[in-house]
């Protein structure tokens, strides 16, 4: 029986078929963020803090990775409890590694608000001195995204970002500037929106740190059990699997379990980004909980993981397909369409008989046509399942769930042609001048409304880029003809192919 698609963004198409460049700007005088938990979570005295960090790094195990670390998940409790795990995580990165920026993403422990707050007004201060914030990027994120802003109270007393800064100052020979982000609500949409905003920066030049503890307050034994489940779900680099694991763990009957993961929305943000890459390997560095500390109580503990994601040699252009892969996807789509419309069954596909490109994740749309007339079109930018499975899901959805059309009937099958569009990752753009008509598709979102046009929508139409944007804004996103001018804009490319008789 057909199940609801696990794809995270489902969109309909209407017609037939980024690294951000920051402009130089004058920033207001800095308002530096003062230490809030020095003297409680870690030593307030500079020499004492240096000695503490030196000891932690000496005691932390060495884990050598075979690629450049791009993402790191580390805890944010007091150093006597979680410092060794955090040091092990940072130690997996060579001290002389170079990054342009370090993005630190955490969840708010004290304030609730919809969206994410980025510290954009100054630098972070610790007993080790000043840690520079990239205010240019912070400001660009705020100006370019409706759900990202600066909220002073989100940062003033929040410890989860501050805890990481001395580790960065101590470990890196040349500490990169920071981009501190605090998420204010437990929301899937906020995590998705933040991931979209950060995608242009998610490359080998930047390091992404997620500050999170794990289980809160079960017994020592129960913590090890529940944290193992959560940790393994992260290693799969699959946002839906991780989210479902968190939900399942939260509803378990483990005594005194308040949460299985305190910053799950920050981790989910990272997974929404990293799942789009096929050259990142997730690996565990170290697990402990507060019961392992000399001052810890084993009846009531907090769990800590250090997990790294490093870049391998594998090519990242998963949306580029060989001809045999395209032919196989069309065959899978046709078989799925026939089987589901006639028998309400989705046929099984043996992955061992498929090329590796079809087993990776990528966004995709499936369009159905009767002659030149669109008969259904649904797709997804984000997917946690292999491409071949996503094509099956989107084929069924296009035939039965496109609300503009009645479901496809068996009598129509011989007249329907299938077109598939495999998508590159979304890249945020600042304006229409960065868009190339015919090459790029457009995805726009404003005030919770969104819409997209595939690149081929412009084919055969005497449209300009402005016309393309206007139709998408009005007809797809429902934000008015000029609504794109105030919307968040993303471009993508598509590899388009289908059955022979598609024009």
Protein backbone atom coordinates (compact mmCIF):
# COMPACT_ATOMS: atom_id res chain seq x y z
CA UNK A 1 0.00 0.00 0.00
CA UNK A 2 1.21 3.48 -0.82
CA UNK A 3 2.62 5.30 2.18
CA UNK A 4 3.05 9.01 2.66
CA UNK A 5 6.33 10.16 1.17
CA UNK A 6 9.17 10.79 3.63
CA UNK A 7 10.39 13.62 1.43
CA UNK A 8 10.49 16.86 3.36
CA UNK A 9 9.49 19.45 0.74
CA UNK A 10 6.73 18.42 -1.66
CA UNK A 11 5.96 20.92 -4.43
CA UNK A 12 3.79 20.97 -7.51
CA UNK A 13 4.91 22.34 -10.90
CA UNK A 14 2.50 24.28 -13.09
CA UNK A 15 3.68 24.68 -16.67
CA UNK A 16 5.15 22.39 -19.33
CA UNK A 17 8.15 21.98 -19.43
CA UNK A 18 25.80 30.14 -4.36
CA UNK A 19 28.26 30.94 -2.29
CA UNK A 20 26.80 34.31 -1.34
CA UNK A 21 28.80 37.35 -2.41
CA UNK A 22 28.83 39.77 0.49
CA UNK A 23 28.96 43.41 -0.37
CA UNK A 24 31.23 45.59 1.69
CA UNK A 25 29.20 47.54 4.20
CA UNK A 26 29.87 49.79 7.12
CA UNK A 27 28.81 48.12 10.36
CA UNK A 28 27.82 49.99 13.52
CA UNK A 29 30.20 49.98 16.51
CA UNK A 30 30.55 46.53 18.08
CA UNK A 31 28.63 45.51 21.20
CA UNK A 32 30.65 42.55 22.43
CA UNK A 33 28.96 39.62 24.13
CA UNK A 34 30.28 39.28 27.69
CA UNK A 35 30.93 35.85 29.30
CA UNK A 36 27.85 34.58 31.13
CA UNK A 37 28.99 31.23 32.56
CA UNK A 38 32.71 31.78 33.20
CA UNK A 39 33.34 30.76 36.78
CA UNK A 40 30.51 28.20 36.77
CA UNK A 41 30.71 26.06 33.62
CA UNK A 42 34.44 26.69 33.16
CA UNK A 43 37.20 28.65 34.96
CA UNK A 44 36.94 32.44 34.87
CA UNK A 45 40.69 32.90 35.38
CA UNK A 46 42.69 32.86 32.14
CA UNK A 47 45.57 30.72 33.42
CA UNK A 48 43.24 28.29 35.17
CA UNK A 49 41.18 27.95 31.97
CA UNK A 50 44.28 27.32 29.88
CA UNK A 51 45.45 24.66 32.34
CA UNK A 52 42.00 23.03 32.29
CA UNK A 53 41.90 22.94 28.50
CA UNK A 54 45.46 21.65 28.28
CA UNK A 55 44.60 18.76 30.58
CA UNK A 56 41.41 17.92 28.65
CA UNK A 57 43.21 17.82 25.30
CA UNK A 58 46.02 15.69 26.74
CA UNK A 59 43.55 13.16 28.14
CA UNK A 60 41.22 13.09 25.12
CA UNK A 61 41.70 10.11 22.79
CA UNK A 62 43.12 10.65 19.32
CA UNK A 63 40.83 9.84 16.38
CA UNK A 64 42.44 10.38 12.99
CA UNK A 65 40.02 11.05 10.15
CA UNK A 66 40.79 10.59 6.45
CA UNK A 67 39.35 13.87 5.29
CA UNK A 68 38.69 17.46 6.26
CA UNK A 69 36.11 17.84 9.01
CA UNK A 70 33.18 19.97 7.91
CA UNK A 71 30.79 19.32 10.78
CA UNK A 72 31.28 18.58 14.45
CA UNK A 73 28.75 17.75 17.12
CA UNK A 74 29.99 18.41 20.67
CA UNK A 75 28.40 18.83 24.13
CA UNK A 76 27.89 22.04 26.09
CA UNK A 77 27.78 21.05 29.75
CA UNK A 78 30.26 22.19 32.39
CA UNK A 79 33.84 21.21 31.59
CA UNK A 80 34.15 18.80 34.56
CA UNK A 81 31.30 16.77 33.05
CA UNK A 82 31.50 17.05 29.26
CA UNK A 83 34.87 18.72 28.64
CA UNK A 84 36.69 15.51 27.75
CA UNK A 85 34.13 14.60 25.09
CA UNK A 86 34.23 18.11 23.63
CA UNK A 87 38.04 18.09 23.60
CA UNK A 88 38.03 14.74 21.78
CA UNK A 89 35.75 16.22 19.15
CA UNK A 90 37.95 19.25 18.57
CA UNK A 91 41.07 17.09 18.69
CA UNK A 92 39.81 15.20 15.62
CA UNK A 93 40.54 18.41 13.69
CA UNK A 94 44.21 19.35 13.22
CA UNK A 95 45.06 22.53 15.06
CA UNK A 96 46.53 24.02 11.91
CA UNK A 97 43.37 23.33 9.87
CA UNK A 98 42.11 26.43 8.10
CA UNK A 99 38.51 27.52 7.75
CA UNK A 100 37.06 30.81 6.63
CA UNK A 101 34.35 30.71 9.30
CA UNK A 102 32.98 28.53 12.07
CA UNK A 103 29.19 28.42 12.28
CA UNK A 104 27.99 27.40 15.76
CA UNK A 105 24.35 26.31 15.94
CA UNK A 106 22.56 25.67 19.23
CA UNK A 107 19.10 25.67 20.77
CA UNK A 108 17.93 28.23 23.28
CA UNK A 109 17.71 27.05 26.88
CA UNK A 110 16.13 30.23 28.30
CA UNK A 111 14.03 31.94 25.64
CA UNK A 112 11.31 30.82 23.27
CA UNK A 113 10.79 32.49 19.89
CA UNK A 114 9.97 31.47 16.34
CA UNK A 115 13.03 31.38 14.12
CA UNK A 116 16.76 31.71 14.75
CA UNK A 117 18.82 34.50 16.28
CA UNK A 118 22.32 35.20 14.97
CA UNK A 119 24.72 37.36 16.96
CA UNK A 120 25.44 40.22 14.60
CA UNK A 121 26.30 43.19 16.83
CA UNK A 122 29.79 42.37 18.08
CA UNK A 123 32.30 39.72 19.11
CA UNK A 124 32.32 37.03 21.80
CA UNK A 125 34.54 37.56 24.84
CA UNK A 126 35.98 34.85 27.08
CA UNK A 127 38.81 34.78 29.65
CA UNK A 128 41.07 33.89 26.69
CA UNK A 129 40.24 37.14 24.93
CA UNK A 130 38.15 38.20 21.98
CA UNK A 131 36.69 35.74 19.47
CA UNK A 132 35.76 37.62 16.32
CA UNK A 133 32.26 37.24 14.89
CA UNK A 134 31.80 37.53 11.15
CA UNK A 135 29.28 40.33 11.37
CA UNK A 136 29.10 40.63 7.60
CA UNK A 137 27.74 37.09 7.23
CA UNK A 138 25.51 37.50 10.27
CA UNK A 139 24.05 40.68 8.84
CA UNK A 140 23.57 39.09 5.41
CA UNK A 141 21.68 36.18 6.98
CA UNK A 142 19.37 38.59 8.78
CA UNK A 143 18.77 40.78 5.74
CA UNK A 144 18.21 37.84 3.40
CA UNK A 145 15.93 35.62 5.49
CA UNK A 146 12.63 36.42 7.16
CA UNK A 147 13.07 33.93 10.02
CA UNK A 148 16.61 34.93 10.98
CA UNK A 149 17.15 37.98 13.17
CA UNK A 150 19.07 39.30 16.13
CA UNK A 151 17.33 38.87 19.49
CA UNK A 152 19.52 40.09 22.33
CA UNK A 153 17.99 37.94 25.07
CA UNK A 154 18.63 34.80 23.02
CA UNK A 155 22.39 35.29 23.53
CA UNK A 156 22.90 37.17 26.80
CA UNK A 157 22.75 34.20 29.19
CA UNK A 158 22.81 31.30 26.73
CA UNK A 159 25.66 28.94 27.59
CA UNK A 160 25.54 26.49 24.66
CA UNK A 161 27.52 28.70 22.27
CA UNK A 162 29.78 30.27 24.89
CA UNK A 163 30.96 26.83 26.06
CA UNK A 164 32.45 26.15 22.62
CA UNK A 165 34.40 29.39 22.21
CA UNK A 166 37.35 28.66 24.57
CA UNK A 167 37.85 25.28 22.87
CA UNK A 168 38.09 27.07 19.52
CA UNK A 169 40.42 29.75 20.88
CA UNK A 170 42.70 27.15 22.47
CA UNK A 171 42.81 24.55 19.72
CA UNK A 172 43.15 26.46 16.46
CA UNK A 173 46.43 28.14 15.66
CA UNK A 174 44.47 30.84 13.83
CA UNK A 175 40.88 30.76 15.15
CA UNK A 176 38.44 31.58 12.33
CA UNK A 177 35.65 34.12 12.83
CA UNK A 178 32.41 32.79 14.28
CA UNK A 179 28.77 32.90 13.19
CA UNK A 180 26.79 32.13 16.42
CA UNK A 181 23.18 31.01 15.82
CA UNK A 182 20.60 30.12 18.50
CA UNK A 183 17.33 28.44 17.46
CA UNK A 184 14.32 29.49 19.52
CA UNK A 185 11.68 26.83 18.90
CA UNK A 186 11.23 23.10 18.40
CA UNK A 187 10.01 23.30 14.82
CA UNK A 188 10.71 21.26 11.71
CA UNK A 189 9.97 24.26 9.50
CA UNK A 190 12.46 26.46 11.36
CA UNK A 191 15.16 23.80 10.93
CA UNK A 192 14.38 23.49 7.21
CA UNK A 193 14.36 27.25 6.68
CA UNK A 194 17.64 27.68 8.53
CA UNK A 195 19.21 24.86 6.52
CA UNK A 196 18.16 26.55 3.29
CA UNK A 197 19.65 29.84 4.43
CA UNK A 198 22.96 28.21 5.40
CA UNK A 199 23.35 25.96 2.34
CA UNK A 200 25.40 28.55 0.41
CA UNK A 201 28.01 28.40 3.19
CA UNK A 202 27.96 24.62 3.61
CA UNK A 203 31.22 23.82 1.87
CA UNK A 204 34.78 22.78 2.62
CA UNK A 205 35.75 26.36 3.48
CA UNK A 206 33.57 26.49 6.60
CA UNK A 207 33.19 24.39 9.74
CA UNK A 208 29.75 23.78 11.23
CA UNK A 209 29.60 23.03 14.97
CA UNK A 210 26.41 21.77 16.59
CA UNK A 211 26.33 22.31 20.35
CA UNK A 212 24.12 19.67 21.97
CA UNK A 213 23.87 17.36 24.95
CA UNK A 214 21.86 14.15 24.71
CA UNK A 215 19.70 12.29 27.24
CA UNK A 216 18.73 14.23 30.33
CA UNK A 217 18.38 12.63 33.75
CA UNK A 218 17.86 8.88 33.23
CA UNK A 219 20.07 6.41 35.07
CA UNK A 220 23.60 5.72 33.84
CA UNK A 221 22.60 2.45 32.19
CA UNK A 222 19.48 3.85 30.56
CA UNK A 223 21.41 6.85 29.27
CA UNK A 224 23.92 4.65 27.48
CA UNK A 225 21.07 2.73 25.86
CA UNK A 226 19.03 5.73 24.70
CA UNK A 227 22.08 7.74 23.61
CA UNK A 228 23.33 4.85 21.50
CA UNK A 229 20.03 4.85 19.59
CA UNK A 230 20.16 8.60 19.05
CA UNK A 231 23.84 8.58 18.09
CA UNK A 232 23.35 5.82 15.54
CA UNK A 233 20.47 7.74 13.96
CA UNK A 234 22.77 10.74 13.45
CA UNK A 235 25.44 8.58 11.82
CA UNK A 236 22.93 7.62 9.13
CA UNK A 237 22.94 11.26 7.99
CA UNK A 238 19.18 10.97 7.48
CA UNK A 239 17.01 13.77 8.96
CA UNK A 240 13.77 11.82 8.90
CA UNK A 241 15.32 8.79 10.56
CA UNK A 242 16.85 11.02 13.23
CA UNK A 243 13.57 12.85 13.86
CA UNK A 244 11.60 9.61 14.11
CA UNK A 245 14.20 8.21 16.51
CA UNK A 246 13.88 11.29 18.72
CA UNK A 247 10.08 10.96 18.75
CA UNK A 248 10.28 7.26 19.58
CA UNK A 249 12.84 7.80 22.33
CA UNK A 250 10.81 10.66 23.79
CA UNK A 251 7.76 8.44 24.15
CA UNK A 252 9.69 5.53 25.65
CA UNK A 253 9.03 4.42 29.19
CA UNK A 254 12.56 5.10 30.44
CA UNK A 255 12.28 6.54 33.96
CA UNK A 256 13.23 10.21 34.45
CA UNK A 257 13.99 10.78 30.76
CA UNK A 258 13.16 14.46 30.17
CA UNK A 259 14.59 14.63 26.65
CA UNK A 260 16.70 12.28 24.52
CA UNK A 261 18.49 15.24 22.89
CA UNK A 262 18.29 18.85 24.01
CA UNK A 263 19.29 20.51 20.72
CA UNK A 264 17.65 18.11 18.29
CA UNK A 265 16.45 20.99 16.09
CA UNK A 266 20.04 22.19 15.63
CA UNK A 267 21.13 18.66 14.69
CA UNK A 268 18.19 18.38 12.31
CA UNK A 269 19.29 21.62 10.63
CA UNK A 270 22.70 20.13 10.01
CA UNK A 271 21.26 16.88 8.65
CA UNK A 272 19.00 18.76 6.25
CA UNK A 273 22.18 20.24 4.78
CA UNK A 274 24.56 17.29 4.94
CA UNK A 275 22.12 14.74 3.51
CA UNK A 276 22.44 16.52 0.17
CA UNK A 277 26.13 15.63 -0.05
CA UNK A 278 27.53 12.24 -0.93
CA UNK A 279 31.09 12.98 0.10
CA UNK A 280 30.59 13.39 3.87
CA UNK A 281 31.27 10.50 6.21
CA UNK A 282 29.78 10.68 9.72
CA UNK A 283 31.82 8.99 12.43
CA UNK A 284 31.61 8.74 16.25
CA UNK A 285 34.51 10.25 18.19
CA UNK A 286 33.65 9.64 21.86
CA UNK A 287 30.66 8.95 24.09
CA UNK A 288 30.43 9.53 27.83
CA UNK A 289 27.82 10.77 30.25
CA UNK A 290 27.99 12.78 33.44
CA UNK A 291 28.10 9.57 35.45
CA UNK A 292 31.59 8.94 34.07
CA UNK A 293 32.89 12.13 35.68
CA UNK A 294 34.56 11.85 39.07
CA UNK A 295 31.91 14.16 40.52
CA UNK A 296 29.01 12.57 38.63
CA UNK A 297 25.90 10.88 40.04
CA UNK A 298 25.04 7.67 38.18
CA UNK A 299 21.39 7.73 39.23
CA UNK A 300 20.67 10.89 37.26
CA UNK A 301 22.89 11.66 34.27
CA UNK A 302 23.21 13.68 31.08
CA UNK A 303 24.61 12.10 27.92
CA UNK A 304 27.39 13.52 25.71
CA UNK A 305 28.43 12.60 22.17
CA UNK A 306 31.23 13.91 19.97
CA UNK A 307 30.46 13.09 16.33
CA UNK A 308 32.34 14.38 13.28
CA UNK A 309 31.42 14.61 9.63
CA UNK A 310 34.40 14.75 7.31
CA UNK A 311 34.71 15.20 3.57
CA UNK A 312 35.85 12.18 1.57
CA UNK A 313 37.17 11.95 -1.98
CA UNK A 314 33.79 11.01 -3.42
CA UNK A 315 32.42 13.41 -6.02
CA UNK A 316 29.49 15.51 -4.93
CA UNK A 317 27.67 15.93 -8.25
CA UNK A 318 25.06 13.27 -7.48
CA UNK A 319 22.48 14.91 -9.74
CA UNK A 320 24.63 14.18 -12.82
CA UNK A 321 23.49 10.82 -14.14
CA UNK A 322 24.92 8.42 -16.70
CA UNK A 323 22.60 7.46 -19.58
CA UNK A 324 22.02 3.98 -18.18
CA UNK A 325 20.90 5.54 -14.90
CA UNK A 326 18.44 7.82 -16.66
CA UNK A 327 16.99 4.90 -18.61
CA UNK A 328 16.63 2.87 -15.44
CA UNK A 329 14.82 5.68 -13.61
CA UNK A 330 12.34 6.06 -16.46
CA UNK A 331 11.78 2.30 -16.43
CA UNK A 332 11.22 2.38 -12.64
CA UNK A 333 8.79 5.28 -12.97
CA UNK A 334 6.79 3.57 -15.73
CA UNK A 335 6.60 0.25 -13.86
CA UNK A 336 5.57 2.04 -10.69
CA UNK A 337 2.88 4.06 -12.45
CA UNK A 338 1.37 0.99 -14.13
CA UNK A 339 1.50 -1.13 -10.98
CA UNK A 340 0.04 1.44 -8.65
CA UNK A 341 -2.77 2.68 -10.89
CA UNK A 342 -3.85 -0.86 -11.81
CA UNK A 343 -3.24 -2.74 -8.55
CA UNK A 344 -2.47 -0.11 -5.86
CA UNK A 345 0.94 -1.69 -5.35
CA UNK A 346 4.40 -0.16 -5.52
CA UNK A 347 6.76 -2.72 -7.06
CA UNK A 348 9.94 -3.63 -5.24
CA UNK A 349 13.25 -2.68 -6.84
CA UNK A 350 16.42 -4.68 -6.23
CA UNK A 351 19.07 -2.04 -5.39
CA UNK A 352 21.88 -4.48 -6.15
CA UNK A 353 20.92 -4.22 -9.83
CA UNK A 354 21.13 -0.41 -9.90
CA UNK A 355 24.04 1.94 -10.59
CA UNK A 356 25.38 3.69 -7.50
CA UNK A 357 24.09 7.08 -8.66
CA UNK A 358 20.49 5.91 -8.16
CA UNK A 359 21.20 4.90 -4.57
CA UNK A 360 22.26 8.39 -3.51
CA UNK A 361 19.94 11.15 -2.32
CA UNK A 362 18.91 14.04 -4.55
CA UNK A 363 15.85 16.18 -5.11
CA UNK A 364 13.61 15.25 -8.02
CA UNK A 365 10.31 16.01 -9.77
CA UNK A 366 8.18 13.62 -11.78
CA UNK A 367 5.90 15.15 -14.43
CA UNK A 368 3.15 13.29 -16.29
CA UNK A 369 1.84 14.46 -19.67
CA UNK A 370 -0.94 13.55 -22.04
CA UNK A 371 0.45 14.85 -25.30
CA UNK A 372 1.57 18.40 -24.56
CA UNK A 373 -0.84 18.76 -21.65
CA UNK A 374 0.37 18.45 -18.07
CA UNK A 375 -1.41 15.64 -16.22
CA UNK A 376 0.37 15.83 -12.87
CA UNK A 377 3.64 17.01 -11.36
CA UNK A 378 4.99 16.70 -7.83
CA UNK A 379 8.55 16.75 -6.52
CA UNK A 380 10.81 17.28 -3.56
CA UNK A 381 13.98 19.27 -2.92
CA UNK A 382 14.83 17.34 0.24
CA UNK A 383 14.72 13.57 0.51
CA UNK A 384 16.07 11.06 2.99
CA UNK A 385 15.58 8.07 0.68
CA UNK A 386 17.61 6.93 -2.36
CA UNK A 387 16.84 8.60 -5.67
CA UNK A 388 15.19 5.53 -7.18
CA UNK A 389 12.78 5.30 -4.24
CA UNK A 390 12.03 9.01 -4.44
CA UNK A 391 11.14 8.60 -8.13
CA UNK A 392 8.69 5.86 -7.17
CA UNK A 393 7.16 8.05 -4.46
CA UNK A 394 6.88 11.10 -6.72
CA UNK A 395 5.44 9.05 -9.61
CA UNK A 396 2.60 7.85 -7.41
CA UNK A 397 2.13 11.32 -5.93
CA UNK A 398 1.99 12.97 -9.37
CA UNK A 399 -0.61 10.47 -10.53
CA UNK A 400 -2.83 10.60 -7.44
CA UNK A 401 -2.06 13.60 -5.22
CA UNK A 402 -1.76 16.60 -7.54
CA UNK A 403 -4.90 18.44 -6.42
CA UNK A 404 -5.22 20.26 -9.73
CA UNK A 405 -6.14 17.02 -11.47
CA UNK A 406 -8.31 13.99 -10.88
CA UNK A 407 -6.32 10.82 -10.12
CA UNK A 408 -5.03 8.97 -13.16
CA UNK A 409 -7.30 6.15 -14.33
CA UNK A 410 -6.12 2.81 -15.80
CA UNK A 411 -7.64 3.74 -19.16
CA UNK A 412 -5.26 6.72 -19.42
CA UNK A 413 -2.00 4.85 -18.90
CA UNK A 414 -1.21 4.16 -22.56
CA UNK A 415 -1.49 7.88 -23.34
CA UNK A 416 0.67 9.21 -20.49
CA UNK A 417 4.33 10.10 -20.91
CA UNK A 418 6.77 10.51 -18.03
CA UNK A 419 9.39 13.21 -17.56
CA UNK A 420 11.91 13.21 -14.69
CA UNK A 421 13.90 16.18 -13.39
CA UNK A 422 16.77 15.39 -11.02
CA UNK A 423 17.79 18.50 -9.12
CA UNK A 424 21.04 20.00 -7.93
CA UNK A 425 21.12 21.42 -4.36
CA UNK A 426 19.41 24.77 -3.80
CA UNK A 427 21.62 27.86 -3.77
CA UNK A 428 20.42 31.12 -2.28
CA UNK A 429 20.70 34.20 -4.47
CA UNK A 430 20.51 37.87 -3.60
CA UNK A 431 18.46 38.93 -6.59
CA UNK A 432 17.24 38.26 -10.10
CA UNK A 433 20.56 39.34 -11.60
CA UNK A 434 22.09 36.04 -10.38
CA UNK A 435 19.42 34.00 -12.21
CA UNK A 436 20.02 32.50 -15.68
CA UNK A 437 16.84 31.87 -17.65
CA UNK A 438 16.75 28.39 -19.15
CA UNK A 439 19.55 27.13 -16.92
CA UNK A 440 18.12 27.74 -13.46
CA UNK A 441 14.91 26.75 -11.78
CA UNK A 442 13.59 29.11 -9.10
CA UNK A 443 12.29 28.38 -5.61
CA UNK A 444 10.86 31.32 -3.67
CA UNK A 445 9.41 31.59 -0.20
CA UNK A 446 7.78 34.48 1.64
CA UNK A 447 5.80 34.51 4.88
CA UNK A 448 5.29 30.76 4.85
CA UNK A 449 4.20 30.63 1.17
CA UNK A 450 6.43 29.04 -1.43
CA UNK A 451 6.51 28.02 -5.06
CA UNK A 452 8.87 26.77 -7.73
CA UNK A 453 9.33 26.63 -11.48
CA UNK A 454 11.57 24.03 -13.04
CA UNK A 455 14.11 25.39 -15.56
CA UNK A 456 12.19 23.91 -18.51
CA UNK A 457 9.08 25.95 -17.69
CA UNK A 458 10.60 28.80 -19.71
CA UNK A 459 11.09 26.59 -22.78
CA UNK A 460 9.08 27.74 -25.80
CA UNK A 461 7.84 30.88 -24.05
CA UNK A 462 8.81 34.40 -24.88
CA UNK A 463 9.54 35.15 -21.22
CA UNK A 464 12.14 37.27 -19.56
CA UNK A 465 13.56 36.47 -16.13
CA UNK A 466 11.13 39.02 -14.66
CA UNK A 467 8.18 37.28 -16.34
CA UNK A 468 9.43 33.92 -15.09
CA UNK A 469 9.64 35.25 -11.54
CA UNK A 470 6.31 37.05 -11.76
CA UNK A 471 4.38 33.98 -12.89
CA UNK A 472 6.02 31.83 -10.21
CA UNK A 473 5.28 34.40 -7.51
CA UNK A 474 1.66 34.89 -8.54
CA UNK A 475 0.65 31.49 -9.86
CA UNK A 476 2.68 29.17 -7.66
CA UNK A 477 3.62 30.89 -4.42
CA UNK A 478 0.47 33.02 -4.23
CA UNK A 479 2.37 36.12 -3.15
CA UNK A 480 1.42 38.43 -6.04
CA UNK A 481 3.20 39.28 -9.26
CA UNK A 482 5.88 41.40 -7.54
CA UNK A 483 6.04 39.28 -4.39
CA UNK A 484 9.35 37.75 -5.46
CA UNK A 485 11.04 41.10 -4.85
CA UNK A 486 10.64 40.60 -1.09
CA UNK A 487 10.90 36.80 -1.04
CA UNK A 488 13.84 34.52 -0.25
CA UNK A 489 15.10 33.24 -3.61
CA UNK A 490 16.95 30.00 -4.42
CA UNK A 491 18.15 28.64 -7.75
CA UNK A 492 18.89 25.09 -8.82
CA UNK A 493 19.67 23.17 -11.99
CA UNK A 494 17.93 20.09 -13.33
CA UNK A 495 18.91 17.09 -15.39
CA UNK A 496 15.73 16.51 -17.43
CA UNK A 497 14.95 13.30 -19.30
CA UNK A 498 12.01 11.03 -20.01
CA UNK A 499 10.28 8.71 -22.42
CA UNK A 500 11.26 9.14 -26.06
CA UNK A 501 8.05 10.67 -27.29
CA UNK A 502 8.13 13.60 -24.89
CA UNK A 503 8.59 16.81 -26.84
